[in-house]
């Protein structure tokens, strides 16, 4: 699977409160969460983010609480994937459970907001469109890609159950 999108750059330690502020946790409706995605990190993000855009972060992206609302908000906002130097463990798992692909890349300092990336989940290659430079990461394992293609863990399980009927 391959995607291409514009970059939205954020720094280190982007916690779940920055991704989706606690004041909006009274709903788990994806469309409503998307309206407030990254609101406390960039007030214009939710209004300007485009379909298939890519969030790029530094170290420890998704730290903080274990809320599933964070990857739901990102995915519902139209973001195609998140690339960061590292992810908080619970965010990493929640992202795939919600069907949001994420990749760890040590070179995120080289990416800038407004740039464009092409990402191949099968090979782990990230290509900067501006300078045609390729960065290598670990590819997303096939099972995790299945989760993403299914729309998350629950939909993946539901598809398996329906196939058995």
Protein backbone atom coordinates (compact mmCIF):
# COMPACT_ATOMS: atom_id res chain seq x y z
CA UNK A 1 0.00 0.00 0.00
CA UNK A 2 1.32 3.45 -0.91
CA UNK A 3 0.10 6.97 -0.11
CA UNK A 4 1.22 10.50 -0.94
CA UNK A 5 0.39 13.53 1.14
CA UNK A 6 1.34 16.95 2.44
CA UNK A 7 3.33 17.22 5.66
CA UNK A 8 2.08 18.72 8.93
CA UNK A 9 5.12 18.89 11.23
CA UNK A 10 4.95 18.73 15.01
CA UNK A 11 7.70 18.34 17.61
CA UNK A 12 8.59 15.97 20.42
CA UNK A 13 6.22 14.77 23.15
CA UNK A 14 2.94 15.49 21.36
CA UNK A 15 0.58 14.10 23.95
CA UNK A 16 -2.98 12.92 23.55
CA UNK A 17 -4.28 16.18 25.07
CA UNK A 18 -2.67 18.09 22.19
CA UNK A 19 -4.06 15.60 19.67
CA UNK A 20 -7.60 15.79 21.04
CA UNK A 21 -8.13 18.05 24.08
CA UNK A 22 -9.90 16.48 27.06
CA UNK A 23 -12.75 19.01 26.81
CA UNK A 24 -13.98 17.15 23.70
CA UNK A 25 -13.93 13.65 25.17
CA UNK A 26 -17.66 13.70 25.85
CA UNK A 27 -18.08 12.15 22.39
CA UNK A 28 -16.44 9.36 20.46
CA UNK A 29 -18.08 10.41 17.18
CA UNK A 30 -15.23 10.53 14.62
CA UNK A 31 -16.56 13.53 12.66
CA UNK A 32 -16.91 15.61 15.83
CA UNK A 33 -13.45 14.63 17.09
CA UNK A 34 -11.95 15.52 13.70
CA UNK A 35 -13.16 19.12 14.10
CA UNK A 36 -10.86 19.51 17.11
CA UNK A 37 -7.90 17.38 16.02
CA UNK A 38 -4.56 18.95 17.04
CA UNK A 39 -6.45 22.05 18.17
CA UNK A 40 -4.17 22.80 21.13
CA UNK A 41 -1.02 22.28 19.02
CA UNK A 42 -2.17 24.22 15.92
CA UNK A 43 -5.52 26.01 16.06
CA UNK A 44 -5.91 25.98 12.25
CA UNK A 45 -5.01 22.31 11.70
CA UNK A 46 -8.53 20.85 11.59
CA UNK A 47 -9.73 23.51 9.14
CA UNK A 48 -6.71 23.23 6.82
CA UNK A 49 -5.68 19.56 6.87
CA UNK A 50 -6.40 17.80 3.60
CA UNK A 51 -7.38 14.26 2.79
CA UNK A 52 -4.31 12.00 2.79
CA UNK A 53 -2.10 14.58 4.53
CA UNK A 54 0.62 13.19 6.80
CA UNK A 55 1.45 14.16 10.37
CA UNK A 56 5.18 14.08 11.14
CA UNK A 57 6.31 14.19 14.75
CA UNK A 58 9.44 13.88 16.82
CA UNK A 59 10.05 11.59 19.78
CA UNK A 60 7.30 10.11 21.96
CA UNK A 61 4.32 10.99 19.76
CA UNK A 62 1.01 10.12 21.46
CA UNK A 63 2.30 10.12 25.02
CA UNK A 64 -0.11 10.79 27.87
CA UNK A 65 -3.39 9.04 28.46
CA UNK A 66 -4.42 5.85 26.75
CA UNK A 67 -7.47 7.34 25.08
CA UNK A 68 -8.51 5.86 21.74
CA UNK A 69 -9.97 9.24 20.83
CA UNK A 70 -6.53 10.46 19.66
CA UNK A 71 -6.04 8.11 16.68
CA UNK A 72 -9.76 8.31 15.89
CA UNK A 73 -9.52 12.12 15.64
CA UNK A 74 -6.41 11.97 13.44
CA UNK A 75 -7.90 9.39 11.09
CA UNK A 76 -11.28 11.14 10.91
CA UNK A 77 -9.54 14.43 10.05
CA UNK A 78 -8.35 12.75 6.83
CA UNK A 79 -4.75 12.11 7.82
CA UNK A 80 -3.38 9.09 5.93
CA UNK A 81 -0.59 8.23 8.38
CA UNK A 82 1.62 9.49 11.17
CA UNK A 83 5.41 9.31 10.97
CA UNK A 84 7.48 10.01 14.09
CA UNK A 85 10.86 9.21 15.60
CA UNK A 86 9.07 7.17 18.25
CA UNK A 87 5.57 6.59 19.60
CA UNK A 88 4.18 6.06 23.06
CA UNK A 89 3.48 2.34 23.33
CA UNK A 90 -0.27 2.61 24.01
CA UNK A 91 -0.75 5.13 21.16
CA UNK A 92 1.09 2.78 18.80
CA UNK A 93 -1.31 -0.04 19.61
CA UNK A 94 -4.41 2.17 19.62
CA UNK A 95 -3.48 3.61 16.22
CA UNK A 96 -3.49 0.21 14.55
CA UNK A 97 -6.58 -0.86 16.50
CA UNK A 98 -8.36 2.16 15.00
CA UNK A 99 -6.95 1.56 11.50
CA UNK A 100 -4.44 4.44 11.48
CA UNK A 101 -1.06 3.48 9.98
CA UNK A 102 2.03 4.81 11.71
CA UNK A 103 5.75 4.51 10.97
CA UNK A 104 8.84 5.18 13.03
CA UNK A 105 11.55 7.12 11.19
CA UNK A 106 14.69 8.61 12.78
CA UNK A 107 14.91 11.31 10.08
CA UNK A 108 11.78 13.34 10.86
CA UNK A 109 13.85 16.46 11.59
CA UNK A 110 14.48 16.66 7.83
CA UNK A 111 10.77 16.97 6.97
CA UNK A 112 9.00 20.35 7.00
CA UNK A 113 5.38 21.48 7.08
CA UNK A 114 4.21 22.07 3.53
CA UNK A 115 6.50 19.44 2.04
CA UNK A 116 5.17 16.31 0.42
CA UNK A 117 5.94 12.65 1.11
CA UNK A 118 5.23 9.38 -0.62
CA UNK A 119 5.06 6.45 1.79
CA UNK A 120 5.16 2.77 0.91
CA UNK A 121 3.92 0.68 3.84
CA UNK A 122 5.04 -2.60 2.23
CA UNK A 123 8.70 -1.59 1.87
CA UNK A 124 8.97 1.05 4.60
CA UNK A 125 10.26 3.62 2.11
CA UNK A 126 9.47 7.28 2.61
CA UNK A 127 10.27 9.54 -0.33
CA UNK A 128 10.53 13.30 -0.02
CA UNK A 129 8.94 14.67 -3.19
CA UNK A 130 10.87 17.98 -2.90
CA UNK A 131 14.35 16.48 -3.01
CA UNK A 132 13.58 12.97 -4.28
CA UNK A 133 15.45 11.54 -1.30
CA UNK A 134 14.45 8.14 0.09
CA UNK A 135 14.37 7.33 3.80
CA UNK A 136 14.08 3.76 5.06
CA UNK A 137 11.97 2.56 7.96
CA UNK A 138 10.69 -0.80 9.06
CA UNK A 139 7.73 -1.73 6.87
CA UNK A 140 4.38 -2.24 8.53
CA UNK A 141 3.98 -5.99 9.10
CA UNK A 142 1.35 -7.67 6.88
CA UNK A 143 -1.02 -8.37 9.78
CA UNK A 144 -0.92 -4.73 10.88
CA UNK A 145 -1.60 -3.67 7.28
CA UNK A 146 -4.62 -5.98 7.31
CA UNK A 147 -5.90 -4.13 10.37
CA UNK A 148 -5.48 -0.80 8.57
CA UNK A 149 -7.16 -2.05 5.38
CA UNK A 150 -10.07 -3.42 7.42
CA UNK A 151 -10.52 -0.09 9.22
CA UNK A 152 -9.22 -1.28 12.58
CA UNK A 153 -9.21 -4.30 14.86
CA UNK A 154 -12.96 -4.54 15.52
CA UNK A 155 -13.83 -4.30 11.83
CA UNK A 156 -11.09 -6.83 11.04
CA UNK A 157 -12.59 -9.31 13.52
CA UNK A 158 -16.10 -8.63 12.21
CA UNK A 159 -14.90 -9.35 8.64
CA UNK A 160 -13.33 -12.65 9.79
CA UNK A 161 -16.55 -13.69 11.56
CA UNK A 162 -18.67 -12.79 8.52
CA UNK A 163 -16.41 -14.86 6.25
CA UNK A 164 -16.86 -17.89 8.49
CA UNK A 165 -20.65 -17.76 8.19
